[in-house]
Amino acid sequence: MRIIELIIDEEQENGIDAISIVEHPAIEENFIALNQKKEYKFQEVDNEKRILMGALLIPNKAIYRKDKNDEYYIYFTKKTIRKASELFLQKGNQHNSTFEHLYKIEGLTLVESWIVEDKEKDKSALYGLDVPVGTWMGSVKVDNEEVWNDYVKTGVVKGFSIEGFFAEREREEELKKEIEAGLKLLEIKKALLDA
């Protein structure tokens, strides 16, 4: 199966345009809702802040994709994730949100954004989230009553998914070229040893 690295093409100025709240996040990580009500199965804090915290992108996480007749995996490197998170904020996209990638929704704002540098000392660990170094974490403030009551409190949405455009780099071809180059070096080494 093909493996595709998604990268940012600086000339095309691609990257992330919006953050979507979804039932099944592709990165397989749910967010937590910061609130005081005990009946919700999320991590609690001292008062109802209406903030969703979770992973936005996880480095080197294989994400399964299926388009028409094609199945493949995509992934992002730490470097691409850092650049994408920076561009997202530089472009002023922190108010861009959708529901299930289908409908634009108002009243959601990315209020915190950071890259995990140390798993044990990171804010994500404080809230019981176990994510690798290089993960883009975010906190989204929900000022939309309908979204909070009908989607978050009911558990309809469980995580984040990013929307954007990225260039693709086929890893199989690069890997094949690296293997061929390695074999050629071995042939040269063997020829030198035999001489």
N, C-alpha and C. Protein backbone atom coordinates (compact mmCIF):
# COMPACT_ATOMS: atom_id res chain seq x y z
N MET A 1 0.83 -1.18 0.00
CA MET A 1 0.00 0.00 0.00
C MET A 1 0.89 1.25 0.00
N ARG A 2 0.46 2.25 -0.75
CA ARG A 2 1.24 3.48 -0.84
C ARG A 2 1.29 4.22 0.50
N ILE A 3 2.41 4.88 0.74
CA ILE A 3 2.57 5.73 1.91
C ILE A 3 2.97 7.11 1.40
N ILE A 4 2.20 8.12 1.77
CA ILE A 4 2.41 9.47 1.26
C ILE A 4 2.70 10.42 2.41
N GLU A 5 3.83 11.11 2.31
CA GLU A 5 4.13 12.15 3.29
C GLU A 5 3.50 13.45 2.79
N LEU A 6 2.69 14.09 3.62
CA LEU A 6 2.12 15.37 3.26
C LEU A 6 3.07 16.47 3.73
N ILE A 7 3.37 17.38 2.81
CA ILE A 7 4.35 18.44 3.10
C ILE A 7 3.76 19.79 2.72
N ILE A 8 4.40 20.84 3.20
CA ILE A 8 3.99 22.19 2.85
C ILE A 8 4.88 22.67 1.71
N ASP A 9 4.24 23.07 0.63
CA ASP A 9 4.95 23.64 -0.51
C ASP A 9 4.91 25.15 -0.34
N GLU A 10 6.03 25.73 0.03
CA GLU A 10 6.11 27.16 0.34
C GLU A 10 5.68 28.02 -0.86
N GLU A 11 5.95 27.56 -2.08
CA GLU A 11 5.58 28.34 -3.26
C GLU A 11 4.07 28.39 -3.46
N GLN A 12 3.38 27.32 -3.11
CA GLN A 12 1.93 27.28 -3.28
C GLN A 12 1.19 27.80 -2.06
N GLU A 13 1.91 28.10 -1.00
CA GLU A 13 1.34 28.60 0.24
C GLU A 13 0.17 27.74 0.71
N ASN A 14 0.38 26.44 0.74
CA ASN A 14 -0.68 25.59 1.24
C ASN A 14 -0.51 25.39 2.74
N GLY A 15 -1.39 24.65 3.35
CA GLY A 15 -1.36 24.44 4.79
C GLY A 15 -2.77 24.22 5.29
N ILE A 16 -3.00 24.52 6.56
CA ILE A 16 -4.28 24.24 7.20
C ILE A 16 -5.17 25.48 7.16
N ASP A 17 -6.41 25.29 6.71
CA ASP A 17 -7.37 26.38 6.62
C ASP A 17 -8.35 26.41 7.77
N ALA A 18 -8.67 25.24 8.34
CA ALA A 18 -9.69 25.17 9.39
C ALA A 18 -9.46 23.95 10.27
N ILE A 19 -10.08 24.00 11.44
CA ILE A 19 -10.11 22.86 12.35
C ILE A 19 -11.55 22.37 12.41
N SER A 20 -11.74 21.10 12.18
CA SER A 20 -13.09 20.53 12.20
C SER A 20 -13.27 19.71 13.48
N ILE A 21 -14.47 19.80 14.06
CA ILE A 21 -14.80 18.92 15.18
C ILE A 21 -15.55 17.74 14.60
N VAL A 22 -15.11 16.54 14.96
CA VAL A 22 -15.61 15.33 14.31
C VAL A 22 -15.87 14.23 15.33
N GLU A 23 -16.68 13.27 14.92
CA GLU A 23 -16.95 12.11 15.77
C GLU A 23 -15.76 11.15 15.78
N HIS A 24 -15.17 10.93 14.61
CA HIS A 24 -14.08 9.98 14.49
C HIS A 24 -12.84 10.68 13.93
N PRO A 25 -11.97 11.22 14.81
CA PRO A 25 -10.77 11.89 14.31
C PRO A 25 -9.84 10.92 13.60
N ALA A 26 -9.31 11.34 12.47
CA ALA A 26 -8.40 10.49 11.70
C ALA A 26 -7.14 10.15 12.48
N ILE A 27 -6.71 11.06 13.37
CA ILE A 27 -5.49 10.81 14.14
C ILE A 27 -5.77 9.89 15.33
N GLU A 28 -7.04 9.47 15.49
CA GLU A 28 -7.45 8.51 16.52
C GLU A 28 -7.16 8.99 17.94
N GLU A 29 -7.27 10.29 18.15
CA GLU A 29 -7.10 10.89 19.47
C GLU A 29 -8.30 11.78 19.75
N ASN A 30 -8.99 11.55 20.87
CA ASN A 30 -10.11 12.37 21.24
C ASN A 30 -9.64 13.58 22.03
N PHE A 31 -10.45 14.65 21.99
CA PHE A 31 -10.13 15.79 22.83
C PHE A 31 -10.79 15.60 24.19
N ILE A 32 -10.49 16.49 25.12
CA ILE A 32 -11.19 16.49 26.39
C ILE A 32 -11.92 17.81 26.50
N ALA A 33 -13.08 17.79 27.12
CA ALA A 33 -13.86 19.01 27.31
C ALA A 33 -13.62 19.48 28.73
N LEU A 34 -13.15 20.68 28.86
CA LEU A 34 -12.85 21.22 30.19
C LEU A 34 -14.12 21.84 30.74
N ASN A 35 -14.68 21.19 31.78
CA ASN A 35 -15.93 21.64 32.38
C ASN A 35 -16.03 21.15 33.81
N GLN A 36 -17.11 21.50 34.51
CA GLN A 36 -17.26 21.04 35.90
C GLN A 36 -18.32 19.98 36.06
N LYS A 37 -19.12 19.72 35.07
CA LYS A 37 -20.20 18.75 35.19
C LYS A 37 -19.65 17.32 35.20
N LYS A 38 -20.02 16.54 36.19
CA LYS A 38 -19.48 15.19 36.34
C LYS A 38 -20.11 14.17 35.38
N GLU A 39 -21.30 14.47 34.84
CA GLU A 39 -21.97 13.47 34.01
C GLU A 39 -21.30 13.26 32.65
N TYR A 40 -20.43 14.16 32.23
CA TYR A 40 -19.76 13.98 30.95
C TYR A 40 -18.51 13.16 31.16
N LYS A 41 -18.22 12.31 30.25
CA LYS A 41 -17.08 11.41 30.39
C LYS A 41 -15.81 12.02 29.84
N PHE A 42 -15.56 13.24 30.24
CA PHE A 42 -14.34 13.94 29.86
C PHE A 42 -13.59 14.29 31.13
N GLN A 43 -12.38 14.69 31.00
CA GLN A 43 -11.60 15.14 32.13
C GLN A 43 -12.17 16.45 32.66
N GLU A 44 -12.28 16.58 33.98
CA GLU A 44 -12.86 17.78 34.56
C GLU A 44 -11.80 18.73 35.10
N VAL A 45 -12.13 20.01 35.11
CA VAL A 45 -11.35 21.02 35.81
C VAL A 45 -12.31 21.84 36.64
N ASP A 46 -11.84 22.94 37.21
CA ASP A 46 -12.59 23.64 38.24
C ASP A 46 -13.88 24.33 37.82
N ASN A 47 -14.02 24.81 36.63
CA ASN A 47 -15.28 25.45 36.23
C ASN A 47 -15.53 25.22 34.76
N GLU A 48 -16.78 25.50 34.37
CA GLU A 48 -17.14 25.25 32.98
C GLU A 48 -16.51 26.30 32.09
N LYS A 49 -15.42 25.93 31.46
CA LYS A 49 -14.68 26.85 30.61
C LYS A 49 -15.10 26.77 29.15
N ARG A 50 -15.76 25.69 28.80
CA ARG A 50 -16.15 25.45 27.41
C ARG A 50 -14.94 25.46 26.48
N ILE A 51 -13.95 24.73 26.89
CA ILE A 51 -12.73 24.60 26.10
C ILE A 51 -12.50 23.13 25.77
N LEU A 52 -12.24 22.87 24.51
CA LEU A 52 -11.88 21.53 24.05
C LEU A 52 -10.38 21.51 23.85
N MET A 53 -9.72 20.53 24.44
CA MET A 53 -8.27 20.41 24.29
C MET A 53 -7.93 19.05 23.70
N GLY A 54 -7.04 19.07 22.73
CA GLY A 54 -6.63 17.79 22.16
C GLY A 54 -5.57 17.94 21.10
N ALA A 55 -5.18 16.80 20.57
CA ALA A 55 -4.17 16.77 19.50
C ALA A 55 -4.80 17.21 18.19
N LEU A 56 -4.08 18.09 17.50
CA LEU A 56 -4.51 18.52 16.17
C LEU A 56 -3.78 17.72 15.08
N LEU A 57 -2.51 17.48 15.29
CA LEU A 57 -1.72 16.63 14.38
C LEU A 57 -0.66 15.89 15.19
N ILE A 58 -0.45 14.63 14.85
CA ILE A 58 0.53 13.78 15.53
C ILE A 58 1.60 13.37 14.52
N PRO A 59 2.87 13.58 14.86
CA PRO A 59 3.92 13.26 13.89
C PRO A 59 4.04 11.76 13.61
N ASN A 60 4.27 11.47 12.33
CA ASN A 60 4.53 10.10 11.86
C ASN A 60 3.40 9.13 12.15
N LYS A 61 2.21 9.63 12.38
CA LYS A 61 1.03 8.80 12.61
C LYS A 61 0.46 8.41 11.25
N ALA A 62 0.41 7.12 10.96
CA ALA A 62 -0.14 6.64 9.69
C ALA A 62 -1.65 6.81 9.72
N ILE A 63 -2.17 7.58 8.77
CA ILE A 63 -3.60 7.86 8.69
C ILE A 63 -4.14 7.22 7.42
N TYR A 64 -5.04 6.26 7.58
CA TYR A 64 -5.60 5.53 6.45
C TYR A 64 -6.53 6.42 5.63
N ARG A 65 -6.41 6.33 4.32
CA ARG A 65 -7.25 7.08 3.41
C ARG A 65 -7.73 6.16 2.28
N LYS A 66 -8.94 6.42 1.80
CA LYS A 66 -9.48 5.67 0.67
C LYS A 66 -10.20 6.66 -0.23
N ASP A 67 -9.75 6.75 -1.48
CA ASP A 67 -10.36 7.61 -2.49
C ASP A 67 -10.78 6.74 -3.66
N LYS A 68 -12.05 6.69 -3.94
CA LYS A 68 -12.58 5.90 -5.06
C LYS A 68 -11.99 4.49 -5.03
N ASN A 69 -11.00 4.21 -5.90
CA ASN A 69 -10.43 2.87 -5.97
C ASN A 69 -9.05 2.77 -5.36
N ASP A 70 -8.61 3.80 -4.65
CA ASP A 70 -7.24 3.85 -4.15
C ASP A 70 -7.22 3.86 -2.63
N GLU A 71 -6.38 3.02 -2.05
CA GLU A 71 -6.18 3.00 -0.60
C GLU A 71 -4.73 3.33 -0.31
N TYR A 72 -4.48 4.15 0.70
CA TYR A 72 -3.13 4.56 1.03
C TYR A 72 -3.08 5.13 2.44
N TYR A 73 -1.88 5.41 2.90
CA TYR A 73 -1.68 6.05 4.19
C TYR A 73 -1.00 7.39 3.96
N ILE A 74 -1.36 8.36 4.80
CA ILE A 74 -0.66 9.64 4.80
C ILE A 74 -0.05 9.85 6.18
N TYR A 75 0.94 10.73 6.24
CA TYR A 75 1.51 11.10 7.53
C TYR A 75 2.19 12.46 7.42
N PHE A 76 2.43 13.07 8.58
CA PHE A 76 3.11 14.36 8.67
C PHE A 76 4.35 14.19 9.54
N THR A 77 5.45 14.84 9.16
CA THR A 77 6.65 14.83 9.99
C THR A 77 6.53 15.94 11.05
N LYS A 78 7.42 15.88 12.05
CA LYS A 78 7.46 16.93 13.07
C LYS A 78 7.68 18.30 12.44
N LYS A 79 8.58 18.34 11.47
CA LYS A 79 8.91 19.61 10.81
C LYS A 79 7.69 20.20 10.10
N THR A 80 6.96 19.37 9.39
CA THR A 80 5.77 19.83 8.67
C THR A 80 4.69 20.28 9.65
N ILE A 81 4.53 19.53 10.74
CA ILE A 81 3.52 19.89 11.73
C ILE A 81 3.84 21.25 12.34
N ARG A 82 5.08 21.48 12.70
CA ARG A 82 5.46 22.77 13.28
C ARG A 82 5.17 23.91 12.29
N LYS A 83 5.58 23.71 11.04
CA LYS A 83 5.36 24.74 10.02
C LYS A 83 3.87 24.97 9.79
N ALA A 84 3.09 23.91 9.73
CA ALA A 84 1.64 24.03 9.52
C ALA A 84 0.98 24.79 10.67
N SER A 85 1.40 24.50 11.90
CA SER A 85 0.81 25.18 13.06
C SER A 85 1.15 26.67 13.03
N GLU A 86 2.37 27.00 12.64
CA GLU A 86 2.78 28.40 12.56
C GLU A 86 2.00 29.13 11.47
N LEU A 87 1.89 28.53 10.29
CA LEU A 87 1.17 29.15 9.19
C LEU A 87 -0.31 29.35 9.51
N PHE A 88 -0.89 28.39 10.21
CA PHE A 88 -2.30 28.48 10.59
C PHE A 88 -2.56 29.76 11.37
N LEU A 89 -1.69 30.05 12.33
CA LEU A 89 -1.86 31.25 13.15
C LEU A 89 -1.43 32.50 12.40
N GLN A 90 -0.36 32.42 11.63
CA GLN A 90 0.10 33.59 10.87
C GLN A 90 -0.96 34.07 9.88
N LYS A 91 -1.72 33.14 9.33
CA LYS A 91 -2.77 33.50 8.37
C LYS A 91 -4.06 33.95 9.07
N GLY A 92 -4.08 33.89 10.40
CA GLY A 92 -5.26 34.33 11.15
C GLY A 92 -6.44 33.39 11.04
N ASN A 93 -6.18 32.09 10.94
CA ASN A 93 -7.25 31.10 10.75
C ASN A 93 -7.85 30.56 12.05
N GLN A 94 -7.49 31.12 13.20
CA GLN A 94 -7.92 30.53 14.46
C GLN A 94 -9.44 30.54 14.68
N HIS A 95 -10.21 31.29 13.86
CA HIS A 95 -11.67 31.29 13.96
C HIS A 95 -12.32 30.36 12.94
N ASN A 96 -11.54 29.72 12.09
CA ASN A 96 -12.09 28.87 11.04
C ASN A 96 -12.37 27.47 11.58
N SER A 97 -13.66 27.13 11.65
CA SER A 97 -14.06 25.82 12.18
C SER A 97 -15.18 25.23 11.33
N THR A 98 -15.20 23.89 11.29
CA THR A 98 -16.28 23.20 10.60
C THR A 98 -16.75 22.03 11.46
N PHE A 99 -17.90 21.50 11.10
CA PHE A 99 -18.44 20.30 11.72
C PHE A 99 -18.35 19.18 10.70
N GLU A 100 -17.60 18.12 11.04
CA GLU A 100 -17.43 16.94 10.19
C GLU A 100 -16.96 17.30 8.77
N HIS A 101 -16.21 18.39 8.63
CA HIS A 101 -15.67 18.85 7.35
C HIS A 101 -16.77 19.23 6.35
N LEU A 102 -18.01 19.32 6.84
CA LEU A 102 -19.12 19.59 5.92
C LEU A 102 -19.69 21.00 6.05
N TYR A 103 -19.79 21.48 7.30
CA TYR A 103 -20.48 22.75 7.52
C TYR A 103 -19.59 23.70 8.31
N LYS A 104 -19.52 24.94 7.84
CA LYS A 104 -18.79 25.97 8.57
C LYS A 104 -19.59 26.31 9.82
N ILE A 105 -18.91 26.43 10.96
CA ILE A 105 -19.60 26.79 12.20
C ILE A 105 -18.91 28.00 12.82
N GLU A 106 -19.69 28.83 13.43
CA GLU A 106 -19.21 30.04 14.09
C GLU A 106 -19.09 29.79 15.58
N GLY A 107 -18.31 30.63 16.25
CA GLY A 107 -18.24 30.57 17.70
C GLY A 107 -17.21 29.62 18.26
N LEU A 108 -16.30 29.14 17.45
CA LEU A 108 -15.19 28.31 17.92
C LEU A 108 -13.89 29.03 17.59
N THR A 109 -13.00 29.13 18.57
CA THR A 109 -11.74 29.84 18.38
C THR A 109 -10.60 29.06 18.99
N LEU A 110 -9.54 28.87 18.23
CA LEU A 110 -8.33 28.27 18.77
C LEU A 110 -7.69 29.32 19.69
N VAL A 111 -7.68 29.04 21.01
CA VAL A 111 -7.16 30.00 21.98
C VAL A 111 -5.79 29.61 22.52
N GLU A 112 -5.38 28.37 22.31
CA GLU A 112 -4.04 27.91 22.69
C GLU A 112 -3.53 26.99 21.60
N SER A 113 -2.24 27.11 21.33
CA SER A 113 -1.62 26.27 20.32
C SER A 113 -0.18 26.05 20.74
N TRP A 114 0.24 24.78 20.77
CA TRP A 114 1.63 24.51 21.13
C TRP A 114 2.07 23.17 20.58
N ILE A 115 3.38 23.03 20.47
CA ILE A 115 3.99 21.78 20.05
C ILE A 115 4.56 21.10 21.30
N VAL A 116 4.25 19.83 21.48
CA VAL A 116 4.75 19.08 22.63
C VAL A 116 6.27 18.93 22.49
N GLU A 117 6.99 19.42 23.49
CA GLU A 117 8.45 19.34 23.50
C GLU A 117 8.96 18.28 24.47
N ASP A 118 8.18 18.01 25.52
CA ASP A 118 8.57 17.05 26.56
C ASP A 118 7.29 16.37 27.05
N LYS A 119 7.17 15.06 26.80
CA LYS A 119 5.94 14.33 27.13
C LYS A 119 5.55 14.45 28.60
N GLU A 120 6.52 14.40 29.49
CA GLU A 120 6.22 14.37 30.92
C GLU A 120 5.91 15.74 31.50
N LYS A 121 6.50 16.80 30.94
CA LYS A 121 6.32 18.14 31.49
C LYS A 121 5.31 18.98 30.71
N ASP A 122 4.74 18.44 29.67
CA ASP A 122 3.83 19.18 28.82
C ASP A 122 2.45 19.29 29.46
N LYS A 123 1.73 20.33 29.11
CA LYS A 123 0.36 20.55 29.60
C LYS A 123 -0.54 19.37 29.24
N SER A 124 -0.30 18.74 28.11
CA SER A 124 -1.12 17.59 27.71
C SER A 124 -1.03 16.47 28.73
N ALA A 125 0.14 16.25 29.32
CA ALA A 125 0.31 15.21 30.35
C ALA A 125 -0.47 15.56 31.60
N LEU A 126 -0.56 16.84 31.93
CA LEU A 126 -1.33 17.30 33.09
C LEU A 126 -2.78 16.85 32.99
N TYR A 127 -3.30 16.79 31.77
CA TYR A 127 -4.69 16.39 31.55
C TYR A 127 -4.82 14.92 31.12
N GLY A 128 -3.77 14.15 31.27
CA GLY A 128 -3.84 12.72 31.00
C GLY A 128 -3.79 12.33 29.54
N LEU A 129 -3.34 13.22 28.68
CA LEU A 129 -3.22 12.90 27.26
C LEU A 129 -1.80 12.40 26.99
N ASP A 130 -1.70 11.26 26.36
CA ASP A 130 -0.40 10.65 26.07
C ASP A 130 -0.12 10.78 24.57
N VAL A 131 0.60 11.84 24.22
CA VAL A 131 0.92 12.09 22.82
C VAL A 131 2.43 12.21 22.66
N PRO A 132 2.95 11.89 21.48
CA PRO A 132 4.41 11.96 21.29
C PRO A 132 4.94 13.38 21.15
N VAL A 133 6.22 13.52 21.37
CA VAL A 133 6.91 14.78 21.15
C VAL A 133 6.71 15.18 19.68
N GLY A 134 6.45 16.46 19.45
CA GLY A 134 6.21 16.95 18.10
C GLY A 134 4.74 17.07 17.76
N THR A 135 3.86 16.63 18.66
CA THR A 135 2.42 16.74 18.43
C THR A 135 1.98 18.19 18.53
N TRP A 136 1.10 18.60 17.61
CA TRP A 136 0.49 19.92 17.69
C TRP A 136 -0.76 19.80 18.53
N MET A 137 -0.75 20.47 19.68
CA MET A 137 -1.88 20.48 20.60
C MET A 137 -2.63 21.79 20.46
N GLY A 138 -3.91 21.76 20.77
CA GLY A 138 -4.69 22.99 20.72
C GLY A 138 -5.83 22.98 21.71
N SER A 139 -6.21 24.17 22.13
CA SER A 139 -7.39 24.38 22.96
C SER A 139 -8.33 25.28 22.18
N VAL A 140 -9.57 24.83 22.02
CA VAL A 140 -10.57 25.56 21.26
C VAL A 140 -11.69 26.00 22.20
N LYS A 141 -11.92 27.30 22.26
CA LYS A 141 -13.00 27.88 23.07
C LYS A 141 -14.29 27.77 22.27
N VAL A 142 -15.35 27.24 22.93
CA VAL A 142 -16.63 27.06 22.27
C VAL A 142 -17.63 28.07 22.83
N ASP A 143 -17.92 29.10 22.06
CA ASP A 143 -18.90 30.12 22.45
C ASP A 143 -20.22 29.93 21.72
N ASN A 144 -20.37 28.82 21.05
CA ASN A 144 -21.58 28.51 20.30
C ASN A 144 -22.42 27.55 21.15
N GLU A 145 -23.56 28.03 21.65
CA GLU A 145 -24.43 27.24 22.55
C GLU A 145 -24.86 25.92 21.91
N GLU A 146 -25.27 25.99 20.65
CA GLU A 146 -25.74 24.78 19.97
C GLU A 146 -24.63 23.73 19.88
N VAL A 147 -23.45 24.15 19.48
CA VAL A 147 -22.32 23.22 19.37
C VAL A 147 -22.01 22.62 20.73
N TRP A 148 -21.95 23.47 21.77
CA TRP A 148 -21.61 22.96 23.10
C TRP A 148 -22.67 21.98 23.61
N ASN A 149 -23.94 22.36 23.54
CA ASN A 149 -25.00 21.54 24.12
C ASN A 149 -25.35 20.31 23.28
N ASP A 150 -25.41 20.49 21.96
CA ASP A 150 -25.88 19.41 21.10
C ASP A 150 -24.79 18.49 20.56
N TYR A 151 -23.54 18.97 20.55
CA TYR A 151 -22.47 18.15 19.98
C TYR A 151 -21.41 17.74 21.00
N VAL A 152 -20.98 18.67 21.83
CA VAL A 152 -19.93 18.35 22.80
C VAL A 152 -20.51 17.59 24.00
N LYS A 153 -21.52 18.15 24.65
CA LYS A 153 -22.08 17.53 25.85
C LYS A 153 -22.68 16.16 25.58
N THR A 154 -23.19 15.97 24.38
CA THR A 154 -23.82 14.69 24.03
C THR A 154 -22.82 13.66 23.52
N GLY A 155 -21.58 14.09 23.28
CA GLY A 155 -20.56 13.16 22.79
C GLY A 155 -20.62 12.91 21.30
N VAL A 156 -21.38 13.71 20.57
CA VAL A 156 -21.45 13.55 19.11
C VAL A 156 -20.08 13.79 18.50
N VAL A 157 -19.36 14.80 18.99
CA VAL A 157 -18.00 15.04 18.51
C VAL A 157 -17.02 14.62 19.59
N LYS A 158 -15.91 14.04 19.14
CA LYS A 158 -14.93 13.49 20.08
C LYS A 158 -13.51 13.97 19.85
N GLY A 159 -13.27 14.64 18.73
CA GLY A 159 -11.91 15.05 18.45
C GLY A 159 -11.82 16.07 17.33
N PHE A 160 -10.57 16.41 17.01
CA PHE A 160 -10.30 17.39 15.98
C PHE A 160 -9.79 16.72 14.71
N SER A 161 -10.02 17.37 13.61
CA SER A 161 -9.49 16.96 12.33
C SER A 161 -9.14 18.23 11.57
N ILE A 162 -8.02 18.25 10.91
CA ILE A 162 -7.61 19.47 10.23
C ILE A 162 -8.09 19.46 8.78
N GLU A 163 -8.27 20.67 8.24
CA GLU A 163 -8.63 20.83 6.84
C GLU A 163 -7.58 21.68 6.17
N GLY A 164 -7.12 21.26 5.03
CA GLY A 164 -6.14 22.07 4.35
C GLY A 164 -5.64 21.40 3.09
N PHE A 165 -4.63 22.04 2.51
CA PHE A 165 -4.03 21.53 1.28
C PHE A 165 -2.54 21.34 1.50
N PHE A 166 -2.05 20.20 1.08
CA PHE A 166 -0.64 19.86 1.24
C PHE A 166 -0.12 19.25 -0.05
N ALA A 167 1.14 19.42 -0.27
CA ALA A 167 1.79 18.72 -1.37
C ALA A 167 2.06 17.29 -0.90
N GLU A 168 2.21 16.39 -1.86
CA GLU A 168 2.44 14.99 -1.52
C GLU A 168 3.83 14.55 -1.92
N ARG A 169 4.41 13.71 -1.10
CA ARG A 169 5.70 13.10 -1.41
C ARG A 169 5.54 11.60 -1.22
N GLU A 170 5.63 10.89 -2.32
CA GLU A 170 5.51 9.43 -2.27
C GLU A 170 6.72 8.85 -1.56
N ARG A 171 6.52 8.15 -0.50
CA ARG A 171 7.61 7.57 0.26
C ARG A 171 8.12 6.29 -0.37
N GLU A 172 7.28 5.54 -1.04
CA GLU A 172 7.72 4.29 -1.65
C GLU A 172 8.81 4.54 -2.68
N GLU A 173 8.61 5.55 -3.53
CA GLU A 173 9.59 5.87 -4.57
C GLU A 173 10.92 6.29 -3.95
N GLU A 174 10.85 7.15 -2.93
CA GLU A 174 12.08 7.60 -2.27
C GLU A 174 12.78 6.43 -1.59
N LEU A 175 11.99 5.58 -0.95
CA LEU A 175 12.56 4.42 -0.28
C LEU A 175 13.21 3.49 -1.30
N LYS A 176 12.54 3.30 -2.41
CA LYS A 176 13.09 2.45 -3.48
C LYS A 176 14.42 3.02 -3.98
N LYS A 177 14.47 4.35 -4.17
CA LYS A 177 15.70 4.99 -4.63
C LYS A 177 16.82 4.84 -3.59
N GLU A 178 16.47 4.97 -2.31
CA GLU A 178 17.47 4.81 -1.25
C GLU A 178 18.01 3.39 -1.22
N ILE A 179 17.14 2.41 -1.41
CA ILE A 179 17.56 1.01 -1.43
C ILE A 179 18.47 0.75 -2.63
N GLU A 180 18.07 1.27 -3.80
CA GLU A 180 18.89 1.09 -5.00
C GLU A 180 20.27 1.73 -4.83
N ALA A 181 20.31 2.92 -4.23
CA ALA A 181 21.59 3.60 -3.99
C ALA A 181 22.45 2.79 -3.02
N GLY A 182 21.82 2.23 -1.99
CA GLY A 182 22.54 1.40 -1.03
C GLY A 182 23.11 0.15 -1.68
N LEU A 183 22.33 -0.48 -2.55
CA LEU A 183 22.80 -1.67 -3.26
C LEU A 183 23.97 -1.33 -4.19
N LYS A 184 23.89 -0.19 -4.84
CA LYS A 184 24.97 0.24 -5.72
C LYS A 184 26.26 0.45 -4.92
N LEU A 185 26.14 1.07 -3.74
CA LEU A 185 27.31 1.27 -2.88
C LEU A 185 27.92 -0.07 -2.45
N LEU A 186 27.05 -1.03 -2.15
CA LEU A 186 27.54 -2.36 -1.77
C LEU A 186 28.29 -3.01 -2.93
N GLU A 187 27.77 -2.83 -4.15
CA GLU A 187 28.45 -3.38 -5.33
C GLU A 187 29.84 -2.75 -5.50
N ILE A 188 29.91 -1.42 -5.32
CA ILE A 188 31.19 -0.72 -5.45
C ILE A 188 32.15 -1.19 -4.37
N LYS A 189 31.64 -1.35 -3.14
CA LYS A 189 32.49 -1.80 -2.04
C LYS A 189 33.01 -3.21 -2.33
N LYS A 190 32.12 -4.07 -2.79
CA LYS A 190 32.52 -5.45 -3.10
C LYS A 190 33.59 -5.46 -4.21
N ALA A 191 33.38 -4.62 -5.23
CA ALA A 191 34.35 -4.55 -6.35
C ALA A 191 35.70 -4.06 -5.84
N LEU A 192 35.70 -3.10 -4.93
CA LEU A 192 36.96 -2.60 -4.37
C LEU A 192 37.65 -3.66 -3.51
N LEU A 193 36.89 -4.44 -2.76
CA LEU A 193 37.46 -5.48 -1.91
C LEU A 193 38.01 -6.63 -2.75
N ASP A 194 37.37 -6.91 -3.88
CA ASP A 194 37.81 -7.99 -4.77
C ASP A 194 39.04 -7.60 -5.58
N ALA A 195 39.27 -6.30 -5.71
CA ALA A 195 40.38 -5.84 -6.56
C ALA A 195 41.72 -6.05 -5.93
